[in-house]
Amino acid sequence: MGSHRNNLIILLLAYLLSGCANAPIKSPQEKIKALESRARSYQTLSDIQRLSPPYSTHSGKGLRNRSHNEHLRMTYLNKAKHYRKLADEIRKKNGSDTNRSVILPN
């Protein structure tokens, strides 16, 4: 039952990401805020993949094989890194370091 809940959360977040991507952004501060929001969303998707139960098989020796969730997690992490990099580029271009969001580790 827990995996169904995780899949529903992932689908909901993906739907929200796709719906928010079409809004016109005017100022550089709004662009930075939107990019950092997308980065946080992809970071959350990555965390959900990390925390979801493994869908892997056990070998005869008791060793567990890696599941397909790991490559999804890395994809989400790469997207989050990409959006943070874009936000940093806009910040450097405009010289505004005061609007940077701080992401604290869990």
PDB file of N, CA and C in Angstrom:
ATOM      1  N   MET A   1       0.824  -1.188   0.000  1.00  0.00           N
ATOM      2  CA  MET A   1       0.000   0.000   0.000  1.00  0.00           C
ATOM      3  C   MET A   1       0.867   1.250   0.000  1.00  0.00           C
ATOM      4  N   GLY A   2       2.019   1.177   0.684  1.00  0.00           N
ATOM      5  CA  GLY A   2       2.901   2.332   0.754  1.00  0.00           C
ATOM      6  C   GLY A   2       3.479   2.714  -0.599  1.00  0.00           C
ATOM      7  N   SER A   3       3.744   1.718  -1.449  1.00  0.00           N
ATOM      8  CA  SER A   3       4.298   2.029  -2.765  1.00  0.00           C
ATOM      9  C   SER A   3       3.271   2.737  -3.639  1.00  0.00           C
ATOM     10  N   HIS A   4       2.003   2.398  -3.455  1.00  0.00           N
ATOM     11  CA  HIS A   4       0.957   3.091  -4.218  1.00  0.00           C
ATOM     12  C   HIS A   4       0.872   4.559  -3.800  1.00  0.00           C
ATOM     13  N   ARG A   5       1.026   4.807  -2.515  1.00  0.00           N
ATOM     14  CA  ARG A   5       1.005   6.180  -2.015  1.00  0.00           C
ATOM     15  C   ARG A   5       2.196   6.955  -2.571  1.00  0.00           C
ATOM     16  N   ASN A   6       3.363   6.342  -2.584  1.00  0.00           N
ATOM     17  CA  ASN A   6       4.553   7.013  -3.124  1.00  0.00           C
ATOM     18  C   ASN A   6       4.386   7.314  -4.605  1.00  0.00           C
ATOM     19  N   ASN A   7       3.828   6.363  -5.352  1.00  0.00           N
ATOM     20  CA  ASN A   7       3.599   6.585  -6.782  1.00  0.00           C
ATOM     21  C   ASN A   7       2.602   7.714  -7.006  1.00  0.00           C
ATOM     22  N   LEU A   8       1.576   7.786  -6.152  1.00  0.00           N
ATOM     23  CA  LEU A   8       0.594   8.866  -6.263  1.00  0.00           C
ATOM     24  C   LEU A   8       1.241  10.213  -5.979  1.00  0.00           C
ATOM     25  N   ILE A   9       2.110  10.263  -4.986  1.00  0.00           N
ATOM     26  CA  ILE A   9       2.818  11.511  -4.663  1.00  0.00           C
ATOM     27  C   ILE A   9       3.715  11.928  -5.816  1.00  0.00           C
ATOM     28  N   ILE A  10       4.407  10.977  -6.413  1.00  0.00           N
ATOM     29  CA  ILE A  10       5.287  11.282  -7.546  1.00  0.00           C
ATOM     30  C   ILE A  10       4.482  11.820  -8.717  1.00  0.00           C
ATOM     31  N   LEU A  11       3.358  11.185  -9.006  1.00  0.00           N
ATOM     32  CA  LEU A  11       2.515  11.657 -10.108  1.00  0.00           C
ATOM     33  C   LEU A  11       1.958  13.052  -9.828  1.00  0.00           C
ATOM     34  N   LEU A  12       1.571  13.309  -8.590  1.00  0.00           N
ATOM     35  CA  LEU A  12       1.055  14.621  -8.221  1.00  0.00           C
ATOM     36  C   LEU A  12       2.128  15.693  -8.378  1.00  0.00           C
ATOM     37  N   LEU A  13       3.334  15.408  -7.910  1.00  0.00           N
ATOM     38  CA  LEU A  13       4.426  16.375  -8.056  1.00  0.00           C
ATOM     39  C   LEU A  13       4.781  16.611  -9.518  1.00  0.00           C
ATOM     40  N   ALA A  14       4.775  15.553 -10.319  1.00  0.00           N
ATOM     41  CA  ALA A  14       5.066  15.715 -11.743  1.00  0.00           C
ATOM     42  C   ALA A  14       3.987  16.557 -12.421  1.00  0.00           C
ATOM     43  N   TYR A  15       2.734  16.352 -12.036  1.00  0.00           N
ATOM     44  CA  TYR A  15       1.642  17.141 -12.586  1.00  0.00           C
ATOM     45  C   TYR A  15       1.789  18.609 -12.209  1.00  0.00           C
ATOM     46  N   LEU A  16       2.135  18.859 -10.947  1.00  0.00           N
ATOM     47  CA  LEU A  16       2.324  20.241 -10.508  1.00  0.00           C
ATOM     48  C   LEU A  16       3.496  20.904 -11.222  1.00  0.00           C
ATOM     49  N   LEU A  17       4.568  20.150 -11.430  1.00  0.00           N
ATOM     50  CA  LEU A  17       5.721  20.697 -12.145  1.00  0.00           C
ATOM     51  C   LEU A  17       5.366  21.059 -13.574  1.00  0.00           C
ATOM     52  N   SER A  18       4.613  20.216 -14.234  1.00  0.00           N
ATOM     53  CA  SER A  18       4.269  20.492 -15.628  1.00  0.00           C
ATOM     54  C   SER A  18       3.282  21.646 -15.735  1.00  0.00           C
ATOM     55  N   GLY A  19       2.404  21.808 -14.773  1.00  0.00           N
ATOM     56  CA  GLY A  19       1.433  22.887 -14.805  1.00  0.00           C
ATOM     57  C   GLY A  19       2.044  24.238 -14.497  1.00  0.00           C
ATOM     58  N   CYS A  20       3.057  24.267 -13.673  1.00  0.00           N
ATOM     59  CA  CYS A  20       3.677  25.529 -13.275  1.00  0.00           C
ATOM     60  C   CYS A  20       4.716  26.009 -14.283  1.00  0.00           C
ATOM     61  N   ALA A  21       5.109  25.161 -15.199  1.00  0.00           N
ATOM     62  CA  ALA A  21       6.196  25.516 -16.115  1.00  0.00           C
ATOM     63  C   ALA A  21       5.763  26.492 -17.200  1.00  0.00           C
ATOM     64  N   ASN A  22       4.475  26.694 -17.410  1.00  0.00           N
ATOM     65  CA  ASN A  22       4.015  27.518 -18.521  1.00  0.00           C
ATOM     66  C   ASN A  22       3.734  28.974 -18.148  1.00  0.00           C
ATOM     67  N   ALA A  23       3.840  29.344 -16.890  1.00  0.00           N
ATOM     68  CA  ALA A  23       3.539  30.710 -16.468  1.00  0.00           C
ATOM     69  C   ALA A  23       4.659  31.649 -16.918  1.00  0.00           C
ATOM     70  N   PRO A  24       4.305  32.816 -17.481  1.00  0.00           N
ATOM     71  CA  PRO A  24       5.338  33.762 -17.900  1.00  0.00           C
ATOM     72  C   PRO A  24       6.024  34.385 -16.680  1.00  0.00           C
ATOM     73  N   ILE A  25       7.341  34.498 -16.747  1.00  0.00           N
ATOM     74  CA  ILE A  25       8.135  35.045 -15.649  1.00  0.00           C
ATOM     75  C   ILE A  25       8.736  36.355 -16.125  1.00  0.00           C
ATOM     76  N   LYS A  26       8.592  37.398 -15.319  1.00  0.00           N
ATOM     77  CA  LYS A  26       8.980  38.723 -15.772  1.00  0.00           C
ATOM     78  C   LYS A  26      10.363  39.150 -15.280  1.00  0.00           C
ATOM     79  N   SER A  27      10.567  39.226 -13.994  1.00  0.00           N
ATOM     80  CA  SER A  27      11.818  39.769 -13.473  1.00  0.00           C
ATOM     81  C   SER A  27      12.843  38.667 -13.207  1.00  0.00           C
ATOM     82  N   PRO A  28      14.124  39.043 -13.133  1.00  0.00           N
ATOM     83  CA  PRO A  28      15.155  38.033 -12.817  1.00  0.00           C
ATOM     84  C   PRO A  28      14.944  37.397 -11.445  1.00  0.00           C
ATOM     85  N   GLN A  29      14.438  38.170 -10.473  1.00  0.00           N
ATOM     86  CA  GLN A  29      14.189  37.596  -9.152  1.00  0.00           C
ATOM     87  C   GLN A  29      13.100  36.528  -9.220  1.00  0.00           C
ATOM     88  N   GLU A  30      12.081  36.756 -10.038  1.00  0.00           N
ATOM     89  CA  GLU A  30      11.033  35.752 -10.207  1.00  0.00           C
ATOM     90  C   GLU A  30      11.576  34.510 -10.912  1.00  0.00           C
ATOM     91  N   LYS A  31      12.480  34.712 -11.881  1.00  0.00           N
ATOM     92  CA  LYS A  31      13.092  33.567 -12.569  1.00  0.00           C
ATOM     93  C   LYS A  31      13.906  32.742 -11.582  1.00  0.00           C
ATOM     94  N   ILE A  32      14.690  33.422 -10.748  1.00  0.00           N
ATOM     95  CA  ILE A  32      15.512  32.721  -9.755  1.00  0.00           C
ATOM     96  C   ILE A  32      14.625  31.944  -8.797  1.00  0.00           C
ATOM     97  N   LYS A  33      13.566  32.590  -8.328  1.00  0.00           N
ATOM     98  CA  LYS A  33      12.642  31.940  -7.399  1.00  0.00           C
ATOM     99  C   LYS A  33      11.996  30.713  -8.045  1.00  0.00           C
ATOM    100  N   ALA A  34      11.573  30.827  -9.299  1.00  0.00           N
ATOM    101  CA  ALA A  34      10.941  29.704 -10.001  1.00  0.00           C
ATOM    102  C   ALA A  34      11.928  28.558 -10.227  1.00  0.00           C
ATOM    103  N   LEU A  35      13.166  28.890 -10.611  1.00  0.00           N
ATOM    104  CA  LEU A  35      14.164  27.846 -10.850  1.00  0.00           C
ATOM    105  C   LEU A  35      14.517  27.124  -9.553  1.00  0.00           C
ATOM    106  N   GLU A  36      14.643  27.864  -8.465  1.00  0.00           N
ATOM    107  CA  GLU A  36      14.948  27.222  -7.188  1.00  0.00           C
ATOM    108  C   GLU A  36      13.778  26.381  -6.697  1.00  0.00           C
ATOM    109  N   SER A  37      12.572  26.811  -7.005  1.00  0.00           N
ATOM    110  CA  SER A  37      11.401  26.015  -6.647  1.00  0.00           C
ATOM    111  C   SER A  37      11.400  24.697  -7.421  1.00  0.00           C
ATOM    112  N   ARG A  38      11.725  24.756  -8.700  1.00  0.00           N
ATOM    113  CA  ARG A  38      11.816  23.520  -9.494  1.00  0.00           C
ATOM    114  C   ARG A  38      12.922  22.618  -8.968  1.00  0.00           C
ATOM    115  N   ALA A  39      14.050  23.221  -8.592  1.00  0.00           N
ATOM    116  CA  ALA A  39      15.150  22.423  -8.042  1.00  0.00           C
ATOM    117  C   ALA A  39      14.713  21.723  -6.760  1.00  0.00           C
ATOM    118  N   ARG A  40      13.988  22.427  -5.890  1.00  0.00           N
ATOM    119  CA  ARG A  40      13.505  21.805  -4.657  1.00  0.00           C
ATOM    120  C   ARG A  40      12.512  20.689  -4.964  1.00  0.00           C
ATOM    121  N   SER A  41      11.672  20.892  -5.976  1.00  0.00           N
ATOM    122  CA  SER A  41      10.702  19.851  -6.343  1.00  0.00           C
ATOM    123  C   SER A  41      11.405  18.594  -6.825  1.00  0.00           C
ATOM    124  N   TYR A  42      12.418  18.758  -7.672  1.00  0.00           N
ATOM    125  CA  TYR A  42      13.165  17.591  -8.144  1.00  0.00           C
ATOM    126  C   TYR A  42      13.965  16.945  -7.021  1.00  0.00           C
ATOM    127  N   GLN A  43      14.459  17.747  -6.078  1.00  0.00           N
ATOM    128  CA  GLN A  43      15.147  17.195  -4.920  1.00  0.00           C
ATOM    129  C   GLN A  43      14.172  16.351  -4.094  1.00  0.00           C
ATOM    130  N   THR A  44      12.930  16.827  -3.953  1.00  0.00           N
ATOM    131  CA  THR A  44      11.908  16.077  -3.224  1.00  0.00           C
ATOM    132  C   THR A  44      11.593  14.764  -3.937  1.00  0.00           C
ATOM    133  N   LEU A  45      11.479  14.815  -5.260  1.00  0.00           N
ATOM    134  CA  LEU A  45      11.245  13.579  -6.014  1.00  0.00           C
ATOM    135  C   LEU A  45      12.384  12.587  -5.806  1.00  0.00           C
ATOM    136  N   SER A  46      13.606  13.088  -5.765  1.00  0.00           N
ATOM    137  CA  SER A  46      14.760  12.231  -5.523  1.00  0.00           C
ATOM    138  C   SER A  46      14.686  11.601  -4.134  1.00  0.00           C
ATOM    139  N   ASP A  47      14.308  12.413  -3.152  1.00  0.00           N
ATOM    140  CA  ASP A  47      14.196  11.894  -1.786  1.00  0.00           C
ATOM    141  C   ASP A  47      13.103  10.833  -1.687  1.00  0.00           C
ATOM    142  N   ILE A  48      12.000  11.033  -2.400  1.00  0.00           N
ATOM    143  CA  ILE A  48      10.931  10.038  -2.397  1.00  0.00           C
ATOM    144  C   ILE A  48      11.442   8.729  -2.989  1.00  0.00           C
ATOM    145  N   GLN A  49      12.223   8.809  -4.057  1.00  0.00           N
ATOM    146  CA  GLN A  49      12.790   7.596  -4.653  1.00  0.00           C
ATOM    147  C   GLN A  49      13.733   6.902  -3.677  1.00  0.00           C
ATOM    148  N   ARG A  50      14.503   7.694  -2.939  1.00  0.00           N
ATOM    149  CA  ARG A  50      15.452   7.127  -1.988  1.00  0.00           C
ATOM    150  C   ARG A  50      14.723   6.457  -0.830  1.00  0.00           C
ATOM    151  N   LEU A  51      13.617   7.046  -0.396  1.00  0.00           N
ATOM    152  CA  LEU A  51      12.907   6.542   0.767  1.00  0.00           C
ATOM    153  C   LEU A  51      11.872   5.471   0.445  1.00  0.00           C
ATOM    154  N   SER A  52      11.554   5.302  -0.833  1.00  0.00           N
ATOM    155  CA  SER A  52      10.546   4.307  -1.184  1.00  0.00           C
ATOM    156  C   SER A  52      11.118   2.906  -0.996  1.00  0.00           C
ATOM    157  N   PRO A  53      10.238   1.927  -0.767  1.00  0.00           N
ATOM    158  CA  PRO A  53      10.728   0.568  -0.562  1.00  0.00           C
ATOM    159  C   PRO A  53      11.398   0.037  -1.822  1.00  0.00           C
ATOM    160  N   PRO A  54      12.432  -0.751  -1.665  1.00  0.00           N
ATOM    161  CA  PRO A  54      13.156  -1.248  -2.839  1.00  0.00           C
ATOM    162  C   PRO A  54      12.333  -2.279  -3.616  1.00  0.00           C
ATOM    163  N   TYR A  55      12.419  -2.168  -4.923  1.00  0.00           N
ATOM    164  CA  TYR A  55      11.788  -3.145  -5.802  1.00  0.00           C
ATOM    165  C   TYR A  55      12.894  -3.956  -6.450  1.00  0.00           C
ATOM    166  N   SER A  56      13.647  -4.607  -5.645  1.00  0.00           N
ATOM    167  CA  SER A  56      14.776  -5.371  -6.160  1.00  0.00           C
ATOM    168  C   SER A  56      14.590  -6.839  -5.810  1.00  0.00           C
ATOM    169  N   THR A  57      15.394  -7.640  -6.441  1.00  0.00           N
ATOM    170  CA  THR A  57      15.325  -9.072  -6.198  1.00  0.00           C
ATOM    171  C   THR A  57      16.516  -9.495  -5.347  1.00  0.00           C
ATOM    172  N   HIS A  58      16.336 -10.577  -4.664  1.00  0.00           N
ATOM    173  CA  HIS A  58      17.420 -11.130  -3.853  1.00  0.00           C
ATOM    174  C   HIS A  58      18.058 -12.279  -4.608  1.00  0.00           C
ATOM    175  N   SER A  59      19.358 -12.277  -4.611  1.00  0.00           N
ATOM    176  CA  SER A  59      20.058 -13.387  -5.265  1.00  0.00           C
ATOM    177  C   SER A  59      20.121 -14.567  -4.297  1.00  0.00           C
ATOM    178  N   GLY A  60      20.609 -15.682  -4.766  1.00  0.00           N
ATOM    179  CA  GLY A  60      20.703 -16.873  -3.939  1.00  0.00           C
ATOM    180  C   GLY A  60      21.618 -16.709  -2.742  1.00  0.00           C
ATOM    181  N   LYS A  61      22.566 -15.790  -2.814  1.00  0.00           N
ATOM    182  CA  LYS A  61      23.513 -15.594  -1.717  1.00  0.00           C
ATOM    183  C   LYS A  61      23.040 -14.525  -0.733  1.00  0.00           C
ATOM    184  N   GLY A  62      21.835 -14.019  -0.935  1.00  0.00           N
ATOM    185  CA  GLY A  62      21.312 -13.023  -0.009  1.00  0.00           C
ATOM    186  C   GLY A  62      21.681 -11.600  -0.362  1.00  0.00           C
ATOM    187  N   LEU A  63      22.353 -11.408  -1.478  1.00  0.00           N
ATOM    188  CA  LEU A  63      22.717 -10.060  -1.897  1.00  0.00           C
ATOM    189  C   LEU A  63      21.581  -9.457  -2.712  1.00  0.00           C
ATOM    190  N   ARG A  64      21.318  -8.225  -2.466  1.00  0.00           N
ATOM    191  CA  ARG A  64      20.219  -7.572  -3.156  1.00  0.00           C
ATOM    192  C   ARG A  64      20.747  -6.826  -4.382  1.00  0.00           C
ATOM    193  N   ASN A  65      20.096  -7.014  -5.503  1.00  0.00           N
ATOM    194  CA  ASN A  65      20.460  -6.293  -6.722  1.00  0.00           C
ATOM    195  C   ASN A  65      19.858  -4.898  -6.675  1.00  0.00           C
ATOM    196  N   ARG A  66      20.524  -3.945  -7.290  1.00  0.00           N
ATOM    197  CA  ARG A  66      20.001  -2.581  -7.359  1.00  0.00           C
ATOM    198  C   ARG A  66      18.763  -2.537  -8.245  1.00  0.00           C
ATOM    199  N   SER A  67      17.813  -1.692  -7.867  1.00  0.00           N
ATOM    200  CA  SER A  67      16.584  -1.589  -8.637  1.00  0.00           C
ATOM    201  C   SER A  67      16.673  -0.456  -9.643  1.00  0.00           C
ATOM    202  N   HIS A  68      15.625  -0.301 -10.413  1.00  0.00           N
ATOM    203  CA  HIS A  68      15.571   0.784 -11.386  1.00  0.00           C
ATOM    204  C   HIS A  68      15.336   2.123 -10.714  1.00  0.00           C
ATOM    205  N   ASN A  69      14.983   2.143  -9.425  1.00  0.00           N
ATOM    206  CA  ASN A  69      14.743   3.397  -8.729  1.00  0.00           C
ATOM    207  C   ASN A  69      15.998   4.255  -8.632  1.00  0.00           C
ATOM    208  N   GLU A  70      17.154   3.626  -8.617  1.00  0.00           N
ATOM    209  CA  GLU A  70      18.399   4.384  -8.458  1.00  0.00           C
ATOM    210  C   GLU A  70      18.646   5.309  -9.648  1.00  0.00           C
ATOM    211  N   HIS A  71      18.385   4.865 -10.870  1.00  0.00           N
ATOM    212  CA  HIS A  71      18.626   5.747 -11.999  1.00  0.00           C
ATOM    213  C   HIS A  71      17.590   6.874 -12.035  1.00  0.00           C
ATOM    214  N   LEU A  72      16.367   6.619 -11.568  1.00  0.00           N
ATOM    215  CA  LEU A  72      15.383   7.700 -11.472  1.00  0.00           C
ATOM    216  C   LEU A  72      15.831   8.733 -10.450  1.00  0.00           C
ATOM    217  N   ARG A  73      16.352   8.265  -9.346  1.00  0.00           N
ATOM    218  CA  ARG A  73      16.841   9.171  -8.309  1.00  0.00           C
ATOM    219  C   ARG A  73      17.959  10.052  -8.846  1.00  0.00           C
ATOM    220  N   MET A  74      18.888   9.463  -9.588  1.00  0.00           N
ATOM    221  CA  MET A  74      19.993  10.237 -10.150  1.00  0.00           C
ATOM    222  C   MET A  74      19.491  11.224 -11.201  1.00  0.00           C
ATOM    223  N   THR A  75      18.484  10.839 -11.963  1.00  0.00           N
ATOM    224  CA  THR A  75      17.900  11.755 -12.946  1.00  0.00           C
ATOM    225  C   THR A  75      17.312  12.964 -12.251  1.00  0.00           C
ATOM    226  N   TYR A  76      16.559  12.731 -11.176  1.00  0.00           N
ATOM    227  CA  TYR A  76      15.974  13.844 -10.432  1.00  0.00           C
ATOM    228  C   TYR A  76      17.058  14.725  -9.804  1.00  0.00           C
ATOM    229  N   LEU A  77      18.104  14.109  -9.284  1.00  0.00           N
ATOM    230  CA  LEU A  77      19.201  14.896  -8.706  1.00  0.00           C
ATOM    231  C   LEU A  77      19.890  15.756  -9.763  1.00  0.00           C
ATOM    232  N   ASN A  78      20.073  15.191 -10.950  1.00  0.00           N
ATOM    233  CA  ASN A  78      20.703  15.953 -12.035  1.00  0.00           C
ATOM    234  C   ASN A  78      19.832  17.121 -12.473  1.00  0.00           C
ATOM    235  N   LYS A  79      18.510  16.908 -12.526  1.00  0.00           N
ATOM    236  CA  LYS A  79      17.607  18.006 -12.873  1.00  0.00           C
ATOM    237  C   LYS A  79      17.655  19.105 -11.807  1.00  0.00           C
ATOM    238  N   ALA A  80      17.683  18.720 -10.544  1.00  0.00           N
ATOM    239  CA  ALA A  80      17.763  19.704  -9.466  1.00  0.00           C
ATOM    240  C   ALA A  80      19.066  20.502  -9.580  1.00  0.00           C
ATOM    241  N   LYS A  81      20.159  19.808  -9.857  1.00  0.00           N
ATOM    242  CA  LYS A  81      21.456  20.473 -10.028  1.00  0.00           C
ATOM    243  C   LYS A  81      21.417  21.437 -11.210  1.00  0.00           C
ATOM    244  N   HIS A  82      20.772  21.030 -12.298  1.00  0.00           N
ATOM    245  CA  HIS A  82      20.655  21.858 -13.496  1.00  0.00           C
ATOM    246  C   HIS A  82      19.896  23.151 -13.193  1.00  0.00           C
ATOM    247  N   TYR A  83      18.770  23.043 -12.506  1.00  0.00           N
ATOM    248  CA  TYR A  83      17.983  24.239 -12.202  1.00  0.00           C
ATOM    249  C   TYR A  83      18.716  25.156 -11.213  1.00  0.00           C
ATOM    250  N   ARG A  84      19.447  24.582 -10.268  1.00  0.00           N
ATOM    251  CA  ARG A  84      20.244  25.424  -9.355  1.00  0.00           C
ATOM    252  C   ARG A  84      21.345  26.153 -10.115  1.00  0.00           C
ATOM    253  N   LYS A  85      21.946  25.473 -11.068  1.00  0.00           N
ATOM    254  CA  LYS A  85      23.000  26.092 -11.874  1.00  0.00           C
ATOM    255  C   LYS A  85      22.430  27.246 -12.700  1.00  0.00           C
ATOM    256  N   LEU A  86      21.249  27.057 -13.298  1.00  0.00           N
ATOM    257  CA  LEU A  86      20.616  28.134 -14.055  1.00  0.00           C
ATOM    258  C   LEU A  86      20.305  29.328 -13.154  1.00  0.00           C
ATOM    259  N   ALA A  87      19.824  29.067 -11.953  1.00  0.00           N
ATOM    260  CA  ALA A  87      19.530  30.146 -11.012  1.00  0.00           C
ATOM    261  C   ALA A  87      20.809  30.893 -10.636  1.00  0.00           C
ATOM    262  N   ASP A  88      21.883  30.160 -10.419  1.00  0.00           N
ATOM    263  CA  ASP A  88      23.170  30.800 -10.098  1.00  0.00           C
ATOM    264  C   ASP A  88      23.681  31.650 -11.257  1.00  0.00           C
ATOM    265  N   GLU A  89      23.496  31.164 -12.486  1.00  0.00           N
ATOM    266  CA  GLU A  89      23.932  31.939 -13.651  1.00  0.00           C
ATOM    267  C   GLU A  89      23.157  33.252 -13.763  1.00  0.00           C
ATOM    268  N   ILE A  90      21.851  33.200 -13.545  1.00  0.00           N
ATOM    269  CA  ILE A  90      21.050  34.424 -13.587  1.00  0.00           C
ATOM    270  C   ILE A  90      21.460  35.355 -12.458  1.00  0.00           C
ATOM    271  N   ARG A  91      21.718  34.793 -11.282  1.00  0.00           N
ATOM    272  CA  ARG A  91      22.138  35.588 -10.125  1.00  0.00           C
ATOM    273  C   ARG A  91      23.464  36.288 -10.404  1.00  0.00           C
ATOM    274  N   LYS A  92      24.427  35.559 -10.989  1.00  0.00           N
ATOM    275  CA  LYS A  92      25.731  36.160 -11.314  1.00  0.00           C
ATOM    276  C   LYS A  92      25.585  37.231 -12.397  1.00  0.00           C
ATOM    277  N   LYS A  93      24.742  36.959 -13.361  1.00  0.00           N
ATOM    278  CA  LYS A  93      24.529  37.903 -14.452  1.00  0.00           C
ATOM    279  C   LYS A  93      23.961  39.222 -13.938  1.00  0.00           C
ATOM    280  N   ASN A  94      23.061  39.129 -12.963  1.00  0.00           N
ATOM    281  CA  ASN A  94      22.424  40.329 -12.431  1.00  0.00           C
ATOM    282  C   ASN A  94      23.101  40.861 -11.178  1.00  0.00           C
ATOM    283  N   GLY A  95      24.040  40.106 -10.626  1.00  0.00           N
ATOM    284  CA  GLY A  95      24.785  40.563  -9.462  1.00  0.00           C
ATOM    285  C   GLY A  95      23.958  40.651  -8.194  1.00  0.00           C
ATOM    286  N   SER A  96      22.922  39.841  -8.070  1.00  0.00           N
ATOM    287  CA  SER A  96      22.083  39.884  -6.872  1.00  0.00           C
ATOM    288  C   SER A  96      22.237  38.603  -6.083  1.00  0.00           C
ATOM    289  N   ASP A  97      23.038  38.650  -5.036  1.00  0.00           N
ATOM    290  CA  ASP A  97      23.242  37.490  -4.176  1.00  0.00           C
ATOM    291  C   ASP A  97      22.304  37.494  -2.977  1.00  0.00           C
ATOM    292  N   THR A  98      21.508  38.544  -2.833  1.00  0.00           N
ATOM    293  CA  THR A  98      20.659  38.649  -1.645  1.00  0.00           C
ATOM    294  C   THR A  98      19.401  37.808  -1.736  1.00  0.00           C
ATOM    295  N   ASN A  99      19.022  37.348  -2.911  1.00  0.00           N
ATOM    296  CA  ASN A  99      17.766  36.617  -3.085  1.00  0.00           C
ATOM    297  C   ASN A  99      17.954  35.100  -3.050  1.00  0.00           C
ATOM    298  N   ARG A 100      19.110  34.630  -2.695  1.00  0.00           N
ATOM    299  CA  ARG A 100      19.380  33.196  -2.756  1.00  0.00           C
ATOM    300  C   ARG A 100      18.708  32.442  -1.611  1.00  0.00           C
ATOM    301  N   SER A 101      18.006  31.388  -1.939  1.00  0.00           N
ATOM    302  CA  SER A 101      17.373  30.539  -0.949  1.00  0.00           C
ATOM    303  C   SER A 101      18.425  29.606  -0.380  1.00  0.00           C
ATOM    304  N   VAL A 102      18.275  29.281   0.886  1.00  0.00           N
ATOM    305  CA  VAL A 102      19.185  28.363   1.551  1.00  0.00           C
ATOM    306  C   VAL A 102      18.466  27.043   1.726  1.00  0.00           C
ATOM    307  N   ILE A 103      19.096  25.952   1.269  1.00  0.00           N
ATOM    308  CA  ILE A 103      18.531  24.620   1.431  1.00  0.00           C
ATOM    309  C   ILE A 103      19.316  23.918   2.526  1.00  0.00           C
ATOM    310  N   LEU A 104      18.624  23.629   3.609  1.00  0.00           N
ATOM    311  CA  LEU A 104      19.266  22.991   4.738  1.00  0.00           C
ATOM    312  C   LEU A 104      19.183  21.476   4.605  1.00  0.00           C
ATOM    313  N   PRO A 105      20.252  20.760   4.988  1.00  0.00           N
ATOM    314  CA  PRO A 105      20.194  19.297   4.932  1.00  0.00           C
ATOM    315  C   PRO A 105      19.233  18.765   5.978  1.00  0.00           C
ATOM    316  N   ASN A 106      18.660  17.598   5.705  1.00  0.00           N
ATOM    317  CA  ASN A 106      17.695  17.002   6.655  1.00  0.00           C
ATOM    318  C   ASN A 106      18.371  16.486   7.862  1.00  0.00           C
TER     319      ASN A 106
END
